[in-house]
Amino acid sequence: MASAQIFSENDGNMRQVLNVTNYDQYALGAPTGCEGASLLQALQFKGKLTNMDLVSFLREIPQTTNGSPETGFVGSPFEENDWTYTAIYPGPLAKWGQTYGEVSDISGCSVNELLDQVGKGNPVIAWVSIDFEPLRWAEWSFGRAANNNHAVTLDGFDRTTQQVHVSDPISGTYWLPLTKFQAIYDERKFAVVVRS
């Protein structure tokens, strides 16, 4: 079982929680701003942009020019509709984040590698799904994408209880089973780490 391999007794820290700040994207009028919210949460944990509010930060999000989240944010983080795939993927999010700190696209990493980063005190933005429900795939002009796309800040783990901790811009901060997180994360393995 993958979780047994991830949470072996030889891994050092049994429990780590970074307690990253949580922004409620809906309360702040940004229903599709999860990636930016998750990035700001991580940057502020590292002492960057501590006087920046989420709305101001999201106004600076780089926009795509070709309708693809692989080149920038599609649409507006302040609007939600059924005909626009509003999102930004790891590459352009990490590039934007590099303006403020040491931010890297680590897409393709295993959950174990993400947890290693958290263990070093580095929060990770992970692309998952809303409420960690199974991904609902659809075809868009730029290709196949998850209609229930979501991003959270991974900021903790507990090896004893086999859980991870997230700061979720929709649902707040909470623990969830590692297996549930891994099942959704492994569908795409999209991630960005903030190291400083």
Protein backbone atom coordinates (compact mmCIF):
# COMPACT_ATOMS: atom_id res chain seq x y z
CA MET A 1 0.00 0.00 0.00
CA ALA A 2 1.42 3.39 -1.01
CA SER A 3 0.62 5.12 2.27
CA ALA A 4 2.66 2.59 4.26
CA GLN A 5 5.67 3.37 2.08
CA ILE A 6 5.13 7.10 2.44
CA PHE A 7 4.73 7.04 6.19
CA SER A 8 7.53 4.71 7.19
CA GLU A 9 8.98 5.01 10.69
CA ASN A 10 12.39 5.94 9.25
CA ASP A 11 11.19 9.22 7.76
CA GLY A 12 12.05 11.48 10.73
CA ASN A 13 9.25 13.83 11.74
CA MET A 14 6.13 11.97 12.73
CA ARG A 15 4.00 15.11 12.58
CA GLN A 16 4.45 18.50 10.97
CA VAL A 17 1.91 21.31 10.68
CA LEU A 18 3.01 24.63 9.22
CA ASN A 19 -0.28 26.41 10.08
CA VAL A 20 -0.40 28.36 6.84
CA THR A 21 -2.85 31.28 6.84
CA ASN A 22 -6.21 30.53 5.24
CA TYR A 23 -8.07 32.81 2.85
CA ASP A 24 -11.75 32.19 2.05
CA GLN A 25 -11.89 32.89 -1.68
CA TYR A 26 -15.71 33.09 -1.76
CA ALA A 27 -15.95 35.51 1.18
CA LEU A 28 -13.41 37.73 -0.59
CA GLY A 29 -15.30 37.69 -3.90
CA ALA A 30 -12.90 35.43 -5.79
CA PRO A 31 -14.87 32.25 -6.58
CA THR A 32 -12.21 31.01 -9.03
CA GLY A 33 -9.12 32.35 -7.31
CA CYS A 34 -7.98 29.16 -5.56
CA GLU A 35 -4.55 28.92 -7.19
CA GLY A 36 -3.68 32.53 -6.37
CA ALA A 37 -5.09 32.20 -2.85
CA SER A 38 -3.05 29.05 -2.25
CA LEU A 39 0.10 30.76 -3.55
CA LEU A 40 -0.42 33.84 -1.36
CA GLN A 41 -1.02 31.63 1.69
CA ALA A 42 2.31 29.90 1.06
CA LEU A 43 4.23 33.10 0.30
CA GLN A 44 2.94 34.78 3.45
CA PHE A 45 3.98 31.76 5.51
CA LYS A 46 7.50 32.39 4.19
CA GLY A 47 7.29 36.05 5.24
CA LYS A 48 6.61 37.45 1.76
CA LEU A 49 3.84 39.94 0.89
CA THR A 50 2.63 40.04 4.49
CA ASN A 51 0.82 43.34 3.90
CA MET A 52 -0.85 42.16 0.68
CA ASP A 53 -4.52 41.19 0.73
CA LEU A 54 -5.91 38.46 -1.52
CA VAL A 55 -8.01 40.73 -3.73
CA SER A 56 -5.02 42.99 -4.52
CA PHE A 57 -2.83 39.94 -5.15
CA LEU A 58 -5.33 38.36 -7.54
CA ARG A 59 -5.59 41.60 -9.52
CA GLU A 60 -1.93 40.98 -10.50
CA ILE A 61 -2.37 37.36 -11.64
CA PRO A 62 -0.86 36.88 -15.11
CA GLN A 63 -3.51 36.45 -17.78
CA THR A 64 -3.33 34.05 -20.70
CA THR A 65 -3.45 35.42 -24.22
CA ASN A 66 -4.46 32.15 -25.89
CA GLY A 67 -7.18 30.75 -23.61
CA SER A 68 -4.95 28.09 -22.05
CA PRO A 69 -4.24 27.79 -18.30
CA GLU A 70 -0.80 26.51 -19.30
CA THR A 71 0.21 30.08 -20.23
CA GLY A 72 -1.66 32.18 -17.63
CA PHE A 73 -4.96 32.65 -15.86
CA VAL A 74 -8.02 32.11 -18.06
CA GLY A 75 -10.87 34.52 -17.35
CA SER A 76 -11.07 36.38 -14.05
CA PRO A 77 -10.62 34.99 -10.52
CA PHE A 78 -13.55 37.25 -9.57
CA GLU A 79 -16.05 35.64 -11.99
CA GLU A 80 -17.51 32.17 -12.29
CA ASN A 81 -19.41 30.87 -15.31
CA ASP A 82 -19.97 27.64 -17.22
CA TRP A 83 -18.40 28.72 -20.52
CA THR A 84 -14.91 29.74 -19.32
CA TYR A 85 -12.38 27.35 -17.82
CA THR A 86 -11.10 29.74 -15.16
CA ALA A 87 -7.76 28.45 -13.90
CA ILE A 88 -3.98 28.78 -14.02
CA TYR A 89 -1.64 25.78 -14.12
CA PRO A 90 1.64 25.25 -12.25
CA GLY A 91 4.09 26.62 -14.83
CA PRO A 92 2.73 30.16 -15.08
CA LEU A 93 1.76 30.24 -11.39
CA ALA A 94 5.33 29.35 -10.36
CA LYS A 95 6.76 31.91 -12.78
CA TRP A 96 4.54 34.60 -11.23
CA GLY A 97 5.47 33.44 -7.74
CA GLN A 98 9.17 33.82 -8.58
CA THR A 99 8.54 37.57 -8.60
CA TYR A 100 8.11 37.34 -4.83
CA GLY A 101 10.19 34.40 -3.61
CA GLU A 102 11.83 31.07 -4.36
CA VAL A 103 8.93 29.30 -6.05
CA SER A 104 9.25 26.23 -8.28
CA ASP A 105 6.99 24.09 -10.43
CA ILE A 106 7.50 20.57 -9.05
CA SER A 107 4.78 18.90 -11.10
CA GLY A 108 5.35 15.19 -11.50
CA CYS A 109 6.58 14.75 -7.92
CA SER A 110 5.19 11.92 -5.82
CA VAL A 111 3.17 12.61 -2.68
CA ASN A 112 6.22 11.46 -0.72
CA GLU A 113 8.28 14.22 -2.36
CA LEU A 114 5.59 16.78 -1.52
CA LEU A 115 5.63 15.65 2.11
CA ASP A 116 9.44 15.92 2.13
CA GLN A 117 9.04 19.58 1.17
CA VAL A 118 6.47 20.18 3.92
CA GLY A 119 8.82 18.43 6.37
CA LYS A 120 11.48 20.99 5.41
CA GLY A 121 9.06 23.82 6.20
CA ASN A 122 8.04 24.48 2.59
CA PRO A 123 4.31 24.72 1.82
CA VAL A 124 3.16 23.14 -1.44
CA ILE A 125 0.34 24.27 -3.73
CA ALA A 126 -1.34 21.09 -4.97
CA TRP A 127 -3.92 20.84 -7.76
CA VAL A 128 -6.73 18.57 -6.60
CA SER A 129 -10.52 18.80 -6.90
CA ILE A 130 -13.24 20.59 -4.99
CA ASP A 131 -13.96 18.56 -1.83
CA PHE A 132 -11.51 15.91 -3.10
CA GLU A 133 -14.27 14.41 -5.23
CA PRO A 134 -13.32 12.31 -8.29
CA LEU A 135 -12.14 14.50 -11.15
CA ARG A 136 -14.81 15.30 -13.75
CA TRP A 137 -13.04 15.54 -17.09
CA ALA A 138 -14.20 17.57 -20.10
CA GLU A 139 -12.78 18.79 -23.39
CA TRP A 140 -11.98 22.49 -23.69
CA SER A 141 -10.45 24.53 -26.51
CA PHE A 142 -6.95 23.93 -25.06
CA GLY A 143 -7.50 20.22 -24.35
CA ARG A 144 -8.79 17.89 -21.64
CA ALA A 145 -9.22 19.39 -18.15
CA ALA A 146 -10.93 18.70 -14.83
CA ASN A 147 -14.15 20.70 -14.49
CA ASN A 148 -13.94 20.51 -10.69
CA ASN A 149 -10.35 21.75 -10.64
CA HIS A 150 -9.15 23.18 -7.33
CA ALA A 151 -5.88 24.08 -5.62
CA VAL A 152 -5.01 23.89 -1.93
CA THR A 153 -1.93 24.56 0.17
CA LEU A 154 -0.50 21.32 1.58
CA ASP A 155 0.98 22.32 4.94
CA GLY A 156 1.07 19.30 7.20
CA PHE A 157 1.14 15.56 7.78
CA ASP A 158 0.72 13.06 10.59
CA ARG A 159 2.47 9.75 10.06
CA THR A 160 0.68 8.10 13.00
CA THR A 161 -2.85 8.84 11.78
CA GLN A 162 -1.93 8.60 8.05
CA GLN A 163 -3.34 12.06 7.32
CA VAL A 164 -2.31 15.26 5.59
CA HIS A 165 -3.29 18.83 6.49
CA VAL A 166 -4.38 21.44 3.95
CA SER A 167 -5.31 25.10 3.88
CA ASP A 168 -8.22 25.05 1.43
CA PRO A 169 -9.43 28.42 0.04
CA ILE A 170 -12.99 27.07 -0.10
CA SER A 171 -13.36 24.84 2.97
CA GLY A 172 -10.81 26.17 5.47
CA THR A 173 -8.06 24.20 7.20
CA TYR A 174 -8.51 20.51 7.89
CA TRP A 175 -7.00 17.04 8.02
CA LEU A 176 -7.88 14.36 5.48
CA PRO A 177 -6.75 10.79 4.88
CA LEU A 178 -3.51 10.55 2.94
CA THR A 179 -5.10 7.99 0.62
CA LYS A 180 -7.88 10.44 -0.33
CA PHE A 181 -5.39 13.24 -1.04
CA GLN A 182 -3.10 10.94 -2.99
CA ALA A 183 -5.90 9.48 -5.14
CA ILE A 184 -6.86 12.93 -6.43
CA TYR A 185 -3.38 14.46 -6.58
CA ASP A 186 -1.97 11.49 -8.52
CA GLU A 187 -4.47 12.06 -11.37
CA ARG A 188 -2.39 15.03 -12.59
CA LYS A 189 0.56 15.48 -10.19
CA PHE A 190 0.43 19.27 -10.53
CA ALA A 191 2.33 21.07 -7.74
CA VAL A 192 4.30 24.21 -6.88
CA VAL A 193 6.57 24.62 -3.84
CA VAL A 194 7.44 27.83 -2.01
CA ARG A 195 10.90 27.54 -0.43
CA SER A 196 11.50 31.16 0.59
